[in-house]
Protein backbone atom coordinates (compact mmCIF):
# COMPACT_ATOMS: atom_id res chain seq x y z
CA MET A 1 -0.04 -7.20 -43.85
CA LEU A 2 3.16 -7.17 -45.95
CA GLN A 3 4.09 -4.16 -48.04
CA LEU A 4 7.07 -3.81 -50.45
CA ASN A 5 7.72 -0.20 -51.47
CA ALA A 6 10.00 0.42 -54.39
CA ILE A 7 12.44 -2.29 -53.48
CA SER A 8 15.62 -2.62 -55.57
CA LYS A 9 18.45 -4.96 -54.92
CA ASN A 10 21.96 -4.87 -56.60
CA PHE A 11 24.66 -7.45 -56.36
CA GLY A 12 27.77 -5.33 -57.44
CA GLY A 13 26.92 -4.19 -60.86
CA LEU A 14 24.00 -6.59 -61.32
CA GLN A 15 20.48 -5.23 -60.54
CA VAL A 16 18.32 -8.16 -59.57
CA LEU A 17 15.23 -6.16 -58.45
CA GLN A 18 14.04 -2.66 -59.64
CA ASP A 19 11.39 -0.70 -57.94
CA VAL A 20 9.33 -3.75 -56.89
CA SER A 21 6.09 -2.72 -55.08
CA PHE A 22 3.19 -4.86 -54.02
CA SER A 23 1.21 -5.84 -50.93
CA VAL A 24 0.14 -9.15 -49.43
CA PRO A 25 -3.30 -8.83 -47.80
CA GLN A 26 -4.02 -10.30 -44.43
CA GLY A 27 -5.92 -13.67 -44.46
CA SER A 28 -5.13 -14.35 -48.15
CA ILE A 29 -3.16 -16.75 -50.27
CA PHE A 30 -0.89 -14.50 -52.47
CA GLY A 31 1.23 -15.78 -55.30
CA LEU A 32 4.44 -14.54 -56.84
CA ILE A 33 5.26 -16.08 -60.19
CA GLY A 34 7.82 -15.48 -62.97
CA PRO A 35 10.44 -17.25 -65.16
CA ASN A 36 13.53 -18.63 -63.71
CA GLY A 37 15.94 -15.98 -62.69
CA ALA A 38 13.23 -13.31 -62.29
CA GLY A 39 14.25 -12.56 -58.73
CA LYS A 40 11.56 -14.28 -56.71
CA THR A 41 13.68 -16.02 -54.14
CA THR A 42 15.65 -12.86 -53.68
CA ILE A 43 12.34 -11.15 -52.51
CA PHE A 44 11.83 -13.96 -49.94
CA ASN A 45 15.40 -13.42 -48.68
CA LEU A 46 14.72 -9.79 -48.39
CA VAL A 47 11.52 -10.21 -46.51
CA THR A 48 13.07 -12.67 -43.96
CA GLY A 49 16.25 -10.52 -43.35
CA LEU A 50 18.74 -12.82 -45.10
CA LEU A 51 19.45 -9.94 -47.49
CA ARG A 52 18.88 -6.16 -47.15
CA PRO A 53 17.51 -4.07 -50.07
CA SER A 54 19.70 -1.59 -51.84
CA SER A 55 16.78 0.89 -51.79
CA GLY A 56 13.09 0.97 -50.83
CA CYS A 57 11.49 -0.40 -47.67
CA ILE A 58 9.61 -3.47 -46.46
CA GLU A 59 6.85 -3.18 -43.92
CA PHE A 60 5.21 -5.98 -41.97
CA ASN A 61 2.08 -4.97 -40.10
CA GLY A 62 3.26 -1.33 -40.34
CA GLN A 63 6.74 -1.97 -38.93
CA ASN A 64 9.74 -1.24 -41.12
CA LEU A 65 12.00 -4.39 -41.41
CA GLU A 66 15.05 -2.49 -42.65
CA THR A 67 17.24 -3.07 -39.56
CA VAL A 68 15.50 -5.98 -37.99
CA PRO A 69 17.70 -9.02 -37.78
CA ALA A 70 16.45 -12.45 -39.27
CA HIS A 71 15.66 -14.11 -35.86
CA ARG A 72 13.66 -11.08 -34.77
CA ILE A 73 11.66 -11.15 -38.02
CA THR A 74 10.75 -14.75 -37.25
CA LYS A 75 9.59 -13.63 -33.80
CA LEU A 76 7.51 -10.85 -35.38
CA GLY A 77 5.50 -13.56 -37.16
CA ILE A 78 7.20 -14.37 -40.60
CA ALA A 79 8.07 -18.00 -41.20
CA ARG A 80 9.32 -19.62 -44.48
CA THR A 81 10.12 -22.91 -46.28
CA PHE A 82 12.97 -23.28 -48.79
CA GLN A 83 13.31 -24.55 -52.37
CA ASN A 84 15.71 -27.11 -51.03
CA ILE A 85 14.11 -29.07 -48.07
CA ARG A 86 15.96 -28.20 -44.85
CA ILE A 87 14.78 -30.66 -42.14
CA PHE A 88 16.87 -32.47 -39.49
CA LYS A 89 16.91 -35.91 -40.99
CA GLU A 90 18.50 -37.64 -37.92
CA MET A 91 15.72 -36.44 -35.66
CA THR A 92 12.13 -37.60 -35.30
CA LEU A 93 9.26 -35.74 -36.92
CA LEU A 94 8.16 -34.65 -33.47
CA GLU A 95 11.64 -33.38 -32.51
CA ASN A 96 11.76 -31.41 -35.92
CA VAL A 97 8.61 -29.64 -35.08
CA VAL A 98 9.48 -28.88 -31.39
CA VAL A 99 12.75 -27.29 -32.65
CA GLY A 100 10.56 -24.63 -34.43
CA MET A 101 9.04 -23.68 -30.97
CA HIS A 102 12.19 -22.76 -29.20
CA ASP A 103 11.56 -19.03 -29.29
CA HIS A 104 8.20 -19.55 -27.45
CA LEU A 105 9.20 -22.04 -24.85
CA ASP A 106 8.93 -20.28 -21.39
CA TYR A 107 11.81 -21.61 -19.19
CA GLY A 108 15.12 -20.50 -18.40
CA PHE A 109 18.62 -22.17 -18.73
CA ALA A 110 18.63 -23.19 -15.04
CA SER A 111 15.24 -24.99 -15.52
CA LEU A 112 16.76 -26.83 -18.42
CA LEU A 113 20.00 -27.77 -16.70
CA LEU A 114 18.25 -29.00 -13.55
CA ASN A 115 15.25 -30.55 -15.24
CA LEU A 116 12.87 -28.36 -13.17
CA SER A 117 9.06 -28.42 -13.49
CA ALA A 118 8.98 -25.36 -15.66
CA PHE A 119 11.10 -27.08 -18.15
CA ARG A 120 9.15 -30.47 -18.10
CA ASN A 121 5.82 -28.53 -18.35
CA ALA A 122 6.99 -26.45 -21.23
CA GLU A 123 8.33 -29.40 -23.13
CA ALA A 124 5.08 -31.36 -22.62
CA LYS A 125 3.04 -28.54 -23.97
CA ALA A 126 5.38 -28.20 -26.91
CA ARG A 127 5.12 -31.93 -27.79
CA LEU A 128 1.23 -31.81 -27.68
CA ARG A 129 1.34 -28.72 -30.00
CA ALA A 130 3.85 -30.49 -32.26
CA LEU A 131 1.52 -33.48 -32.57
CA GLU A 132 -1.38 -31.12 -33.41
CA LEU A 133 0.63 -29.40 -36.19
CA LEU A 134 1.84 -32.80 -37.57
CA SER A 135 -1.90 -33.79 -37.70
CA TRP A 136 -2.70 -30.73 -39.81
CA VAL A 137 -0.49 -32.20 -42.55
CA LYS A 138 -1.50 -35.80 -41.75
CA LEU A 139 1.90 -36.90 -40.34
CA ASP A 140 0.97 -37.37 -36.73
CA HIS A 141 0.97 -41.29 -37.10
CA LYS A 142 4.63 -40.99 -37.98
CA ALA A 143 5.62 -38.64 -35.20
CA GLN A 144 8.25 -40.95 -33.72
CA MET A 145 9.77 -41.96 -36.95
CA LEU A 146 13.11 -40.41 -38.17
CA ALA A 147 12.65 -37.64 -40.82
CA ALA A 148 15.05 -39.48 -43.12
CA SER A 149 12.43 -42.22 -43.54
CA LEU A 150 9.92 -39.91 -45.13
CA SER A 151 9.09 -39.64 -48.86
CA TYR A 152 9.94 -36.34 -50.56
CA GLY A 153 6.41 -35.10 -50.38
CA GLU A 154 6.18 -36.03 -46.74
CA GLN A 155 9.45 -34.09 -46.00
CA ARG A 156 7.82 -31.04 -47.64
CA LYS A 157 4.87 -31.34 -45.25
CA LEU A 158 7.18 -31.74 -42.27
CA GLU A 159 8.86 -28.54 -43.28
CA PHE A 160 5.47 -26.80 -43.28
CA ALA A 161 4.65 -28.19 -39.78
CA ARG A 162 8.03 -26.83 -38.38
CA ALA A 163 7.46 -23.34 -39.98
CA LEU A 164 4.02 -23.34 -38.40
CA ALA A 165 5.51 -24.11 -35.12
CA THR A 166 7.12 -20.67 -34.94
CA GLU A 167 3.54 -19.37 -34.63
CA PRO A 168 3.73 -17.13 -37.82
CA LYS A 169 1.20 -14.61 -38.91
CA LEU A 170 2.53 -14.92 -42.49
CA LEU A 171 3.88 -18.17 -43.97
CA LEU A 172 6.26 -17.87 -46.96
CA LEU A 173 6.26 -21.01 -49.22
CA ASP A 174 9.10 -21.26 -51.71
CA GLU A 175 8.07 -23.60 -54.48
CA PRO A 176 6.01 -25.88 -52.16
CA VAL A 177 5.05 -28.53 -54.76
CA ALA A 178 8.52 -28.79 -56.51
CA GLY A 179 9.31 -32.48 -57.11
CA MET A 180 5.80 -33.70 -56.18
CA ASN A 181 3.58 -36.02 -58.28
CA PRO A 182 -0.06 -34.88 -59.15
CA ALA A 183 -1.62 -36.76 -56.31
CA GLU A 184 0.80 -35.17 -53.71
CA LYS A 185 0.02 -31.75 -55.27
CA THR A 186 -3.70 -32.10 -54.95
CA GLU A 187 -3.38 -33.28 -51.35
CA LEU A 188 -1.08 -30.42 -50.42
CA MET A 189 -3.34 -27.95 -52.09
CA ALA A 190 -6.17 -28.93 -49.73
CA GLU A 191 -3.84 -28.76 -46.76
CA ILE A 192 -2.74 -25.18 -47.58
CA VAL A 193 -6.36 -24.23 -47.87
CA ASN A 194 -6.98 -25.65 -44.39
CA ILE A 195 -3.97 -23.75 -43.03
CA LYS A 196 -5.40 -20.52 -44.44
CA GLN A 197 -8.73 -21.18 -42.92
CA ARG A 198 -7.12 -21.65 -39.45
CA GLY A 199 -6.17 -17.93 -39.71
CA PHE A 200 -2.75 -17.94 -41.39
CA SER A 201 -1.77 -15.61 -44.36
CA ILE A 202 0.21 -17.33 -47.06
CA PHE A 203 2.75 -15.78 -49.60
CA MET A 204 4.02 -18.40 -52.07
CA ILE A 205 6.42 -18.65 -54.94
CA GLU A 206 5.49 -21.44 -57.43
CA HIS A 207 6.16 -22.53 -60.94
CA ASP A 208 3.26 -24.92 -61.34
CA MET A 209 0.63 -22.66 -62.96
CA ARG A 210 -2.34 -24.93 -62.36
CA PHE A 211 -1.44 -25.01 -58.66
CA VAL A 212 -1.08 -21.27 -58.49
CA MET A 213 -4.22 -20.44 -60.48
CA GLU A 214 -6.43 -22.74 -58.47
CA LEU A 215 -5.01 -21.73 -55.04
CA CYS A 216 -4.16 -18.09 -55.02
CA GLU A 217 -6.56 -15.17 -54.76
CA ARG A 218 -4.15 -12.60 -56.07
CA ILE A 219 -0.91 -13.01 -58.01
CA ALA A 220 2.02 -10.73 -58.89
CA VAL A 221 4.23 -11.46 -61.86
CA LEU A 222 8.04 -10.75 -61.70
CA ASN A 223 10.07 -10.63 -64.88
CA PHE A 224 13.78 -9.45 -65.08
CA GLY A 225 13.39 -7.93 -61.62
CA LYS A 226 10.30 -5.86 -62.32
CA ILE A 227 6.58 -6.41 -61.48
CA ILE A 228 4.84 -6.58 -64.92
CA ALA A 229 1.40 -7.56 -63.68
CA GLU A 230 -0.78 -7.88 -60.50
CA GLY A 231 -4.34 -9.14 -60.23
CA THR A 232 -6.71 -12.06 -59.87
CA PRO A 233 -5.79 -15.42 -61.46
CA ALA A 234 -8.25 -14.69 -64.32
CA GLU A 235 -6.57 -11.26 -64.98
CA ILE A 236 -3.20 -12.75 -64.97
CA ARG A 237 -4.11 -15.58 -67.24
CA GLN A 238 -5.19 -13.11 -69.90
CA ASN A 239 -2.45 -10.48 -69.47
CA PRO A 240 -0.49 -10.12 -72.76
CA GLU A 241 2.90 -9.23 -70.88
CA VAL A 242 2.57 -12.30 -68.79
CA ILE A 243 1.99 -14.52 -71.78
CA GLU A 244 4.96 -12.98 -73.60
CA ALA A 245 7.17 -13.40 -70.48
CA TYR A 246 6.45 -17.03 -70.39
CA LEU A 247 6.16 -17.99 -74.16
CA GLY A 248 7.99 -15.20 -75.98
CA LYS A 249 6.59 -12.78 -78.61
CA GLU A 250 6.55 -15.17 -81.60
CA GLU A 251 5.05 -18.18 -79.65
CA ALA A 252 2.59 -15.89 -77.97
CA ALA A 253 1.37 -14.53 -81.27
């Protein structure tokens, strides 16, 4: 589904990524791990069009994303969440999710301005779909509450629901359980599995090793801008280079 081919990224004289290649299979939960500063979020920014690679190419369902602007990449079927939660706290949960659907609402400016039936029907359908998505993350009972009233873990879930509202084929999750307690992590793990079972593919960055190892089917490991390992959780767990990257030579020994 997603293919990175020899991707490199430089910021001036600093090389952040060097010849990074891996693929995310359709219908899978794929993880990207690595120490802080390895370049993981840079990869997400390249895939979503916020940055452009210095060399190499990124393909999504066979289409080269090199010149595709960020909003068009979203329309092609890639959505993401961020390390720092970005929701509209002054809006209700329902309104937050409806915002994610704007690219798929089928009415013109005149219908909006004149409050015509095309606008009213599209809005009604969007609200029903938003309620459905909120139910997937168990927040539908708070649909009319302001997003600012949610706990940290609930705000994360709301961000998932809004990303799903863009109708993605591939969902990118940037450290989804950061700041969550163990109970919230376990609950979110089940919800991510449910999302995958509904036909979505998931590509995630995460530092919580237990979460990654239990959830992901394949994992790539990034260290100092290079892929040092790729495989199943069992293969990654036993890989000497991965152990050294996280613990250092002396501690690994």
